[in-house]
Amino acid sequence: MLDRNVRIEQDLINQLFNSGEKRLARTLLLLARYGKHNEPVRLIPPISQGTLAEMVGTTRSRVNFFMKKFTRLGFVELVDGRVRVDNSLLTVVLHD
């Protein structure tokens, strides 16, 4: 229960203080289980941009814009309809 409360608090802080781009990057890293277990799952389950937009708290068009940017920069790539997340996406979250 304590882990759940900490996660809710982190999500609230993320929503209040981070840009849509950073929130999307954080969400993709969480979906890819970055930093969990020995090896993160690099391919996240198939998910629509509309669903990502709801999770991030922005519009689908903004998610589309950021996904194109992340793809162009090599942070993510589309593999058989699934998104492959590169560890370098963490730089978006950590960059001020």
PDB file of N, CA and C in Angstrom:
ATOM      1  N   MET A   1       0.829  -1.188   0.000  1.00  0.00           N
ATOM      2  CA  MET A   1       0.000   0.000   0.000  1.00  0.00           C
ATOM      3  C   MET A   1       0.878   1.258   0.000  1.00  0.00           C
ATOM      4  N   LEU A   2       1.999   1.174   0.710  1.00  0.00           N
ATOM      5  CA  LEU A   2       2.909   2.306   0.741  1.00  0.00           C
ATOM      6  C   LEU A   2       3.496   2.585  -0.646  1.00  0.00           C
ATOM      7  N   ASP A   3       3.858   1.523  -1.375  1.00  0.00           N
ATOM      8  CA  ASP A   3       4.363   1.688  -2.741  1.00  0.00           C
ATOM      9  C   ASP A   3       3.338   2.375  -3.626  1.00  0.00           C
ATOM     10  N   ARG A   4       2.095   2.001  -3.475  1.00  0.00           N
ATOM     11  CA  ARG A   4       1.015   2.600  -4.269  1.00  0.00           C
ATOM     12  C   ARG A   4       0.882   4.087  -3.967  1.00  0.00           C
ATOM     13  N   ASN A   5       0.942   4.455  -2.687  1.00  0.00           N
ATOM     14  CA  ASN A   5       0.840   5.865  -2.308  1.00  0.00           C
ATOM     15  C   ASN A   5       2.014   6.671  -2.845  1.00  0.00           C
ATOM     16  N   VAL A   6       3.204   6.098  -2.800  1.00  0.00           N
ATOM     17  CA  VAL A   6       4.385   6.779  -3.341  1.00  0.00           C
ATOM     18  C   VAL A   6       4.224   6.987  -4.842  1.00  0.00           C
ATOM     19  N   ARG A   7       3.739   5.971  -5.538  1.00  0.00           N
ATOM     20  CA  ARG A   7       3.543   6.078  -6.997  1.00  0.00           C
ATOM     21  C   ARG A   7       2.509   7.144  -7.334  1.00  0.00           C
ATOM     22  N   ILE A   8       1.423   7.216  -6.578  1.00  0.00           N
ATOM     23  CA  ILE A   8       0.391   8.236  -6.808  1.00  0.00           C
ATOM     24  C   ILE A   8       0.968   9.632  -6.575  1.00  0.00           C
ATOM     25  N   GLU A   9       1.771   9.780  -5.542  1.00  0.00           N
ATOM     26  CA  GLU A   9       2.403  11.060  -5.260  1.00  0.00           C
ATOM     27  C   GLU A   9       3.357  11.454  -6.387  1.00  0.00           C
ATOM     28  N   GLN A  10       4.139  10.505  -6.877  1.00  0.00           N
ATOM     29  CA  GLN A  10       5.057  10.781  -7.985  1.00  0.00           C
ATOM     30  C   GLN A  10       4.292  11.180  -9.242  1.00  0.00           C
ATOM     31  N   ASP A  11       3.185  10.510  -9.511  1.00  0.00           N
ATOM     32  CA  ASP A  11       2.370  10.833 -10.684  1.00  0.00           C
ATOM     33  C   ASP A  11       1.795  12.241 -10.583  1.00  0.00           C
ATOM     34  N   LEU A  12       1.353  12.630  -9.392  1.00  0.00           N
ATOM     35  CA  LEU A  12       0.804  13.969  -9.196  1.00  0.00           C
ATOM     36  C   LEU A  12       1.873  15.036  -9.392  1.00  0.00           C
ATOM     37  N   ILE A  13       3.046  14.816  -8.822  1.00  0.00           N
ATOM     38  CA  ILE A  13       4.150  15.764  -8.998  1.00  0.00           C
ATOM     39  C   ILE A  13       4.535  15.855 -10.472  1.00  0.00           C
ATOM     40  N   ASN A  14       4.581  14.715 -11.155  1.00  0.00           N
ATOM     41  CA  ASN A  14       4.886  14.671 -12.583  1.00  0.00           C
ATOM     42  C   ASN A  14       3.877  15.498 -13.378  1.00  0.00           C
ATOM     43  N   GLN A  15       2.605  15.348 -13.073  1.00  0.00           N
ATOM     44  CA  GLN A  15       1.543  16.045 -13.793  1.00  0.00           C
ATOM     45  C   GLN A  15       1.619  17.553 -13.567  1.00  0.00           C
ATOM     46  N   LEU A  16       1.957  17.964 -12.361  1.00  0.00           N
ATOM     47  CA  LEU A  16       1.976  19.385 -12.022  1.00  0.00           C
ATOM     48  C   LEU A  16       3.201  20.123 -12.543  1.00  0.00           C
ATOM     49  N   PHE A  17       4.355  19.483 -12.533  1.00  0.00           N
ATOM     50  CA  PHE A  17       5.591  20.211 -12.773  1.00  0.00           C
ATOM     51  C   PHE A  17       6.315  19.885 -14.070  1.00  0.00           C
ATOM     52  N   ASN A  18       5.918  18.853 -14.786  1.00  0.00           N
ATOM     53  CA  ASN A  18       6.633  18.476 -16.004  1.00  0.00           C
ATOM     54  C   ASN A  18       5.832  18.803 -17.258  1.00  0.00           C
ATOM     55  N   SER A  19       6.547  19.031 -18.348  1.00  0.00           N
ATOM     56  CA  SER A  19       5.917  19.291 -19.637  1.00  0.00           C
ATOM     57  C   SER A  19       5.313  18.006 -20.197  1.00  0.00           C
ATOM     58  N   GLY A  20       4.480  18.161 -21.203  1.00  0.00           N
ATOM     59  CA  GLY A  20       3.874  16.995 -21.851  1.00  0.00           C
ATOM     60  C   GLY A  20       4.920  16.058 -22.435  1.00  0.00           C
ATOM     61  N   GLU A  21       5.988  16.619 -22.951  1.00  0.00           N
ATOM     62  CA  GLU A  21       7.066  15.811 -23.537  1.00  0.00           C
ATOM     63  C   GLU A  21       7.733  14.942 -22.466  1.00  0.00           C
ATOM     64  N   LYS A  22       8.035  15.530 -21.324  1.00  0.00           N
ATOM     65  CA  LYS A  22       8.661  14.770 -20.243  1.00  0.00           C
ATOM     66  C   LYS A  22       7.697  13.736 -19.661  1.00  0.00           C
ATOM     67  N   ARG A  23       6.410  14.097 -19.569  1.00  0.00           N
ATOM     68  CA  ARG A  23       5.426  13.149 -19.043  1.00  0.00           C
ATOM     69  C   ARG A  23       5.296  11.947 -19.967  1.00  0.00           C
ATOM     70  N   LEU A  24       5.311  12.193 -21.293  1.00  0.00           N
ATOM     71  CA  LEU A  24       5.237  11.085 -22.249  1.00  0.00           C
ATOM     72  C   LEU A  24       6.486  10.210 -22.146  1.00  0.00           C
ATOM     73  N   ALA A  25       7.658  10.819 -22.065  1.00  0.00           N
ATOM     74  CA  ALA A  25       8.903  10.058 -21.949  1.00  0.00           C
ATOM     75  C   ALA A  25       8.874   9.203 -20.683  1.00  0.00           C
ATOM     76  N   ARG A  26       8.431   9.770 -19.576  1.00  0.00           N
ATOM     77  CA  ARG A  26       8.357   9.027 -18.308  1.00  0.00           C
ATOM     78  C   ARG A  26       7.379   7.861 -18.428  1.00  0.00           C
ATOM     79  N   THR A  27       6.235   8.096 -19.058  1.00  0.00           N
ATOM     80  CA  THR A  27       5.232   7.051 -19.224  1.00  0.00           C
ATOM     81  C   THR A  27       5.771   5.908 -20.075  1.00  0.00           C
ATOM     82  N   LEU A  28       6.458   6.234 -21.164  1.00  0.00           N
ATOM     83  CA  LEU A  28       7.038   5.198 -22.015  1.00  0.00           C
ATOM     84  C   LEU A  28       8.093   4.392 -21.262  1.00  0.00           C
ATOM     85  N   LEU A  29       8.907   5.068 -20.467  1.00  0.00           N
ATOM     86  CA  LEU A  29       9.923   4.366 -19.675  1.00  0.00           C
ATOM     87  C   LEU A  29       9.273   3.463 -18.631  1.00  0.00           C
ATOM     88  N   LEU A  30       8.200   3.929 -18.017  1.00  0.00           N
ATOM     89  CA  LEU A  30       7.495   3.097 -17.034  1.00  0.00           C
ATOM     90  C   LEU A  30       6.868   1.881 -17.702  1.00  0.00           C
ATOM     91  N   LEU A  31       6.284   2.083 -18.886  1.00  0.00           N
ATOM     92  CA  LEU A  31       5.691   0.963 -19.610  1.00  0.00           C
ATOM     93  C   LEU A  31       6.762  -0.052 -20.023  1.00  0.00           C
ATOM     94  N   ALA A  32       7.966   0.446 -20.290  1.00  0.00           N
ATOM     95  CA  ALA A  32       9.065  -0.440 -20.679  1.00  0.00           C
ATOM     96  C   ALA A  32       9.776  -1.007 -19.452  1.00  0.00           C
ATOM     97  N   ARG A  33       9.262  -0.705 -18.285  1.00  0.00           N
ATOM     98  CA  ARG A  33       9.829  -1.180 -17.012  1.00  0.00           C
ATOM     99  C   ARG A  33      11.288  -0.782 -16.855  1.00  0.00           C
ATOM    100  N   TYR A  34      11.604   0.424 -17.254  1.00  0.00           N
ATOM    101  CA  TYR A  34      12.979   0.903 -17.115  1.00  0.00           C
ATOM    102  C   TYR A  34      13.355   0.927 -15.638  1.00  0.00           C
ATOM    103  N   GLY A  35      14.508   0.380 -15.316  1.00  0.00           N
ATOM    104  CA  GLY A  35      15.001   0.386 -13.955  1.00  0.00           C
ATOM    105  C   GLY A  35      14.429  -0.703 -13.070  1.00  0.00           C
ATOM    106  N   LYS A  36      13.618  -1.593 -13.628  1.00  0.00           N
ATOM    107  CA  LYS A  36      13.043  -2.688 -12.849  1.00  0.00           C
ATOM    108  C   LYS A  36      13.715  -3.991 -13.245  1.00  0.00           C
ATOM    109  N   HIS A  37      13.857  -4.870 -12.305  1.00  0.00           N
ATOM    110  CA  HIS A  37      14.429  -6.194 -12.530  1.00  0.00           C
ATOM    111  C   HIS A  37      15.831  -6.069 -13.124  1.00  0.00           C
ATOM    112  N   ASN A  38      16.317  -7.110 -13.709  1.00  0.00           N
ATOM    113  CA  ASN A  38      17.659  -7.085 -14.297  1.00  0.00           C
ATOM    114  C   ASN A  38      17.668  -6.471 -15.688  1.00  0.00           C
ATOM    115  N   GLU A  39      16.668  -6.754 -16.472  1.00  0.00           N
ATOM    116  CA  GLU A  39      16.623  -6.294 -17.864  1.00  0.00           C
ATOM    117  C   GLU A  39      15.244  -5.710 -18.161  1.00  0.00           C
ATOM    118  N   PRO A  40      15.164  -4.444 -18.568  1.00  0.00           N
ATOM    119  CA  PRO A  40      13.859  -3.868 -18.870  1.00  0.00           C
ATOM    120  C   PRO A  40      13.249  -4.476 -20.128  1.00  0.00           C
ATOM    121  N   VAL A  41      11.930  -4.456 -20.196  1.00  0.00           N
ATOM    122  CA  VAL A  41      11.214  -4.890 -21.391  1.00  0.00           C
ATOM    123  C   VAL A  41      11.278  -3.730 -22.369  1.00  0.00           C
ATOM    124  N   ARG A  42      11.985  -3.916 -23.442  1.00  0.00           N
ATOM    125  CA  ARG A  42      12.182  -2.808 -24.375  1.00  0.00           C
ATOM    126  C   ARG A  42      10.964  -2.558 -25.273  1.00  0.00           C
ATOM    127  N   LEU A  43      10.209  -3.609 -25.580  1.00  0.00           N
ATOM    128  CA  LEU A  43       9.016  -3.455 -26.408  1.00  0.00           C
ATOM    129  C   LEU A  43       7.805  -3.332 -25.504  1.00  0.00           C
ATOM    130  N   ILE A  44       7.114  -2.208 -25.603  1.00  0.00           N
ATOM    131  CA  ILE A  44       5.926  -2.054 -24.778  1.00  0.00           C
ATOM    132  C   ILE A  44       4.730  -2.650 -25.527  1.00  0.00           C
ATOM    133  N   PRO A  45       3.678  -3.027 -24.820  1.00  0.00           N
ATOM    134  CA  PRO A  45       2.505  -3.601 -25.471  1.00  0.00           C
ATOM    135  C   PRO A  45       1.904  -2.608 -26.464  1.00  0.00           C
ATOM    136  N   PRO A  46       1.191  -3.123 -27.474  1.00  0.00           N
ATOM    137  CA  PRO A  46       0.547  -2.206 -28.420  1.00  0.00           C
ATOM    138  C   PRO A  46      -0.376  -1.250 -27.680  1.00  0.00           C
ATOM    139  N   ILE A  47      -0.226   0.035 -27.946  1.00  0.00           N
ATOM    140  CA  ILE A  47      -1.029   1.056 -27.279  1.00  0.00           C
ATOM    141  C   ILE A  47      -1.267   2.194 -28.262  1.00  0.00           C
ATOM    142  N   SER A  48      -2.462   2.725 -28.255  1.00  0.00           N
ATOM    143  CA  SER A  48      -2.790   3.794 -29.196  1.00  0.00           C
ATOM    144  C   SER A  48      -2.288   5.137 -28.668  1.00  0.00           C
ATOM    145  N   GLN A  49      -2.131   6.072 -29.576  1.00  0.00           N
ATOM    146  CA  GLN A  49      -1.705   7.409 -29.176  1.00  0.00           C
ATOM    147  C   GLN A  49      -2.789   8.084 -28.343  1.00  0.00           C
ATOM    148  N   GLY A  50      -4.036   7.746 -28.587  1.00  0.00           N
ATOM    149  CA  GLY A  50      -5.130   8.295 -27.784  1.00  0.00           C
ATOM    150  C   GLY A  50      -5.043   7.834 -26.338  1.00  0.00           C
ATOM    151  N   THR A  51      -4.728   6.562 -26.146  1.00  0.00           N
ATOM    152  CA  THR A  51      -4.572   6.030 -24.788  1.00  0.00           C
ATOM    153  C   THR A  51      -3.367   6.664 -24.104  1.00  0.00           C
ATOM    154  N   LEU A  52      -2.265   6.801 -24.830  1.00  0.00           N
ATOM    155  CA  LEU A  52      -1.093   7.478 -24.268  1.00  0.00           C
ATOM    156  C   LEU A  52      -1.429   8.914 -23.887  1.00  0.00           C
ATOM    157  N   ALA A  53      -2.200   9.585 -24.724  1.00  0.00           N
ATOM    158  CA  ALA A  53      -2.589  10.968 -24.433  1.00  0.00           C
ATOM    159  C   ALA A  53      -3.389  11.048 -23.140  1.00  0.00           C
ATOM    160  N   GLU A  54      -4.293  10.108 -22.920  1.00  0.00           N
ATOM    161  CA  GLU A  54      -5.067  10.089 -21.681  1.00  0.00           C
ATOM    162  C   GLU A  54      -4.164   9.829 -20.481  1.00  0.00           C
ATOM    163  N   MET A  55      -3.213   8.938 -20.639  1.00  0.00           N
ATOM    164  CA  MET A  55      -2.297   8.620 -19.545  1.00  0.00           C
ATOM    165  C   MET A  55      -1.411   9.815 -19.193  1.00  0.00           C
ATOM    166  N   VAL A  56      -1.010  10.561 -20.205  1.00  0.00           N
ATOM    167  CA  VAL A  56      -0.084  11.675 -20.029  1.00  0.00           C
ATOM    168  C   VAL A  56      -0.810  12.961 -19.651  1.00  0.00           C
ATOM    169  N   GLY A  57      -2.065  13.073 -20.046  1.00  0.00           N
ATOM    170  CA  GLY A  57      -2.824  14.284 -19.760  1.00  0.00           C
ATOM    171  C   GLY A  57      -2.627  15.359 -20.809  1.00  0.00           C
ATOM    172  N   THR A  58      -2.580  14.936 -22.065  1.00  0.00           N
ATOM    173  CA  THR A  58      -2.420  15.865 -23.179  1.00  0.00           C
ATOM    174  C   THR A  58      -3.282  15.371 -24.342  1.00  0.00           C
ATOM    175  N   THR A  59      -3.127  15.977 -25.505  1.00  0.00           N
ATOM    176  CA  THR A  59      -3.927  15.572 -26.658  1.00  0.00           C
ATOM    177  C   THR A  59      -3.196  14.533 -27.490  1.00  0.00           C
ATOM    178  N   ARG A  60      -3.966  13.818 -28.331  1.00  0.00           N
ATOM    179  CA  ARG A  60      -3.380  12.813 -29.202  1.00  0.00           C
ATOM    180  C   ARG A  60      -2.431  13.455 -30.195  1.00  0.00           C
ATOM    181  N   SER A  61      -2.751  14.656 -30.664  1.00  0.00           N
ATOM    182  CA  SER A  61      -1.873  15.315 -31.636  1.00  0.00           C
ATOM    183  C   SER A  61      -0.525  15.681 -31.012  1.00  0.00           C
ATOM    184  N   ARG A  62      -0.506  16.064 -29.733  1.00  0.00           N
ATOM    185  CA  ARG A  62       0.754  16.354 -29.066  1.00  0.00           C
ATOM    186  C   ARG A  62       1.577  15.072 -28.883  1.00  0.00           C
ATOM    187  N   VAL A  63       0.898  13.973 -28.528  1.00  0.00           N
ATOM    188  CA  VAL A  63       1.592  12.685 -28.397  1.00  0.00           C
ATOM    189  C   VAL A  63       2.196  12.299 -29.739  1.00  0.00           C
ATOM    190  N   ASN A  64       1.438  12.474 -30.820  1.00  0.00           N
ATOM    191  CA  ASN A  64       1.930  12.176 -32.168  1.00  0.00           C
ATOM    192  C   ASN A  64       3.176  13.010 -32.471  1.00  0.00           C
ATOM    193  N   PHE A  65       3.130  14.296 -32.160  1.00  0.00           N
ATOM    194  CA  PHE A  65       4.264  15.193 -32.386  1.00  0.00           C
ATOM    195  C   PHE A  65       5.495  14.721 -31.622  1.00  0.00           C
ATOM    196  N   PHE A  66       5.326  14.409 -30.325  1.00  0.00           N
ATOM    197  CA  PHE A  66       6.460  13.974 -29.501  1.00  0.00           C
ATOM    198  C   PHE A  66       6.979  12.607 -29.932  1.00  0.00           C
ATOM    199  N   MET A  67       6.088  11.696 -30.321  1.00  0.00           N
ATOM    200  CA  MET A  67       6.531  10.370 -30.772  1.00  0.00           C
ATOM    201  C   MET A  67       7.371  10.494 -32.041  1.00  0.00           C
ATOM    202  N   LYS A  68       6.953  11.371 -32.965  1.00  0.00           N
ATOM    203  CA  LYS A  68       7.752  11.601 -34.174  1.00  0.00           C
ATOM    204  C   LYS A  68       9.122  12.157 -33.811  1.00  0.00           C
ATOM    205  N   LYS A  69       9.150  13.085 -32.850  1.00  0.00           N
ATOM    206  CA  LYS A  69      10.413  13.668 -32.406  1.00  0.00           C
ATOM    207  C   LYS A  69      11.292  12.599 -31.763  1.00  0.00           C
ATOM    208  N   PHE A  70      10.711  11.778 -30.880  1.00  0.00           N
ATOM    209  CA  PHE A  70      11.477  10.711 -30.229  1.00  0.00           C
ATOM    210  C   PHE A  70      12.008   9.713 -31.252  1.00  0.00           C
ATOM    211  N   THR A  71      11.210   9.411 -32.277  1.00  0.00           N
ATOM    212  CA  THR A  71      11.640   8.488 -33.322  1.00  0.00           C
ATOM    213  C   THR A  71      12.801   9.086 -34.118  1.00  0.00           C
ATOM    214  N   ARG A  72      12.658  10.350 -34.491  1.00  0.00           N
ATOM    215  CA  ARG A  72      13.697  11.038 -35.260  1.00  0.00           C
ATOM    216  C   ARG A  72      15.022  11.081 -34.480  1.00  0.00           C
ATOM    217  N   LEU A  73      14.938  11.253 -33.156  1.00  0.00           N
ATOM    218  CA  LEU A  73      16.133  11.327 -32.324  1.00  0.00           C
ATOM    219  C   LEU A  73      16.666   9.951 -31.913  1.00  0.00           C
ATOM    220  N   GLY A  74      15.941   8.884 -32.269  1.00  0.00           N
ATOM    221  CA  GLY A  74      16.401   7.530 -31.982  1.00  0.00           C
ATOM    222  C   GLY A  74      16.050   7.021 -30.594  1.00  0.00           C
ATOM    223  N   PHE A  75      15.176   7.725 -29.885  1.00  0.00           N
ATOM    224  CA  PHE A  75      14.772   7.296 -28.545  1.00  0.00           C
ATOM    225  C   PHE A  75      13.773   6.140 -28.589  1.00  0.00           C
ATOM    226  N   VAL A  76      12.929   6.116 -29.607  1.00  0.00           N
ATOM    227  CA  VAL A  76      11.952   5.039 -29.777  1.00  0.00           C
ATOM    228  C   VAL A  76      11.908   4.629 -31.244  1.00  0.00           C
ATOM    229  N   GLU A  77      11.436   3.421 -31.494  1.00  0.00           N
ATOM    230  CA  GLU A  77      11.194   2.989 -32.868  1.00  0.00           C
ATOM    231  C   GLU A  77      10.012   2.038 -32.878  1.00  0.00           C
ATOM    232  N   LEU A  78       9.332   1.989 -33.988  1.00  0.00           N
ATOM    233  CA  LEU A  78       8.176   1.122 -34.154  1.00  0.00           C
ATOM    234  C   LEU A  78       8.637  -0.218 -34.718  1.00  0.00           C
ATOM    235  N   VAL A  79       8.315  -1.319 -34.004  1.00  0.00           N
ATOM    236  CA  VAL A  79       8.702  -2.662 -34.414  1.00  0.00           C
ATOM    237  C   VAL A  79       7.453  -3.532 -34.399  1.00  0.00           C
ATOM    238  N   ASP A  80       6.972  -3.923 -35.572  1.00  0.00           N
ATOM    239  CA  ASP A  80       5.784  -4.772 -35.686  1.00  0.00           C
ATOM    240  C   ASP A  80       4.593  -4.218 -34.912  1.00  0.00           C
ATOM    241  N   GLY A  81       4.361  -2.919 -35.009  1.00  0.00           N
ATOM    242  CA  GLY A  81       3.217  -2.307 -34.341  1.00  0.00           C
ATOM    243  C   GLY A  81       3.415  -2.035 -32.863  1.00  0.00           C
ATOM    244  N   ARG A  82       4.590  -2.346 -32.337  1.00  0.00           N
ATOM    245  CA  ARG A  82       4.903  -2.090 -30.932  1.00  0.00           C
ATOM    246  C   ARG A  82       6.020  -1.058 -30.852  1.00  0.00           C
ATOM    247  N   VAL A  83       6.079  -0.366 -29.751  1.00  0.00           N
ATOM    248  CA  VAL A  83       7.092   0.663 -29.565  1.00  0.00           C
ATOM    249  C   VAL A  83       8.277   0.069 -28.815  1.00  0.00           C
ATOM    250  N   ARG A  84       9.461   0.242 -29.386  1.00  0.00           N
ATOM    251  CA  ARG A  84      10.693  -0.178 -28.727  1.00  0.00           C
ATOM    252  C   ARG A  84      11.319   1.064 -28.114  1.00  0.00           C
ATOM    253  N   VAL A  85      11.559   1.024 -26.809  1.00  0.00           N
ATOM    254  CA  VAL A  85      12.074   2.173 -26.068  1.00  0.00           C
ATOM    255  C   VAL A  85      13.563   1.985 -25.836  1.00  0.00           C
ATOM    256  N   ASP A  86      14.346   2.989 -26.202  1.00  0.00           N
ATOM    257  CA  ASP A  86      15.784   2.971 -25.967  1.00  0.00           C
ATOM    258  C   ASP A  86      16.072   3.639 -24.623  1.00  0.00           C
ATOM    259  N   ASN A  87      17.086   3.163 -23.928  1.00  0.00           N
ATOM    260  CA  ASN A  87      17.453   3.741 -22.629  1.00  0.00           C
ATOM    261  C   ASN A  87      17.787   5.223 -22.708  1.00  0.00           C
ATOM    262  N   SER A  88      18.210   5.693 -23.870  1.00  0.00           N
ATOM    263  CA  SER A  88      18.571   7.098 -24.021  1.00  0.00           C
ATOM    264  C   SER A  88      17.377   8.036 -23.842  1.00  0.00           C
ATOM    265  N   LEU A  89      16.155   7.490 -23.867  1.00  0.00           N
ATOM    266  CA  LEU A  89      14.957   8.319 -23.631  1.00  0.00           C
ATOM    267  C   LEU A  89      15.002   8.933 -22.238  1.00  0.00           C
ATOM    268  N   LEU A  90      15.731   8.320 -21.352  1.00  0.00           N
ATOM    269  CA  LEU A  90      15.867   8.855 -19.992  1.00  0.00           C
ATOM    270  C   LEU A  90      16.440  10.265 -20.004  1.00  0.00           C
ATOM    271  N   THR A  91      17.235  10.601 -21.002  1.00  0.00           N
ATOM    272  CA  THR A  91      17.817  11.949 -21.065  1.00  0.00           C
ATOM    273  C   THR A  91      16.737  13.012 -21.209  1.00  0.00           C
ATOM    274  N   VAL A  92      15.610  12.679 -21.844  1.00  0.00           N
ATOM    275  CA  VAL A  92      14.509  13.634 -21.979  1.00  0.00           C
ATOM    276  C   VAL A  92      13.907  13.925 -20.615  1.00  0.00           C
ATOM    277  N   VAL A  93      13.766  12.898 -19.794  1.00  0.00           N
ATOM    278  CA  VAL A  93      13.174  13.058 -18.474  1.00  0.00           C
ATOM    279  C   VAL A  93      14.115  13.836 -17.559  1.00  0.00           C
ATOM    280  N   LEU A  94      15.405  13.579 -17.664  1.00  0.00           N
ATOM    281  CA  LEU A  94      16.361  14.187 -16.765  1.00  0.00           C
ATOM    282  C   LEU A  94      16.790  15.591 -17.191  1.00  0.00           C
ATOM    283  N   HIS A  95      16.604  15.929 -18.446  1.00  0.00           N
ATOM    284  CA  HIS A  95      17.040  17.231 -18.979  1.00  0.00           C
ATOM    285  C   HIS A  95      16.128  18.335 -18.479  1.00  0.00           C
ATOM    286  N   ASP A  96      16.724  19.449 -18.051  1.00  0.00           N
ATOM    287  CA  ASP A  96      15.925  20.590 -17.582  1.00  0.00           C
ATOM    288  C   ASP A  96      15.776  21.615 -18.644  1.00  0.00           C
TER     289      ASP A  96
END
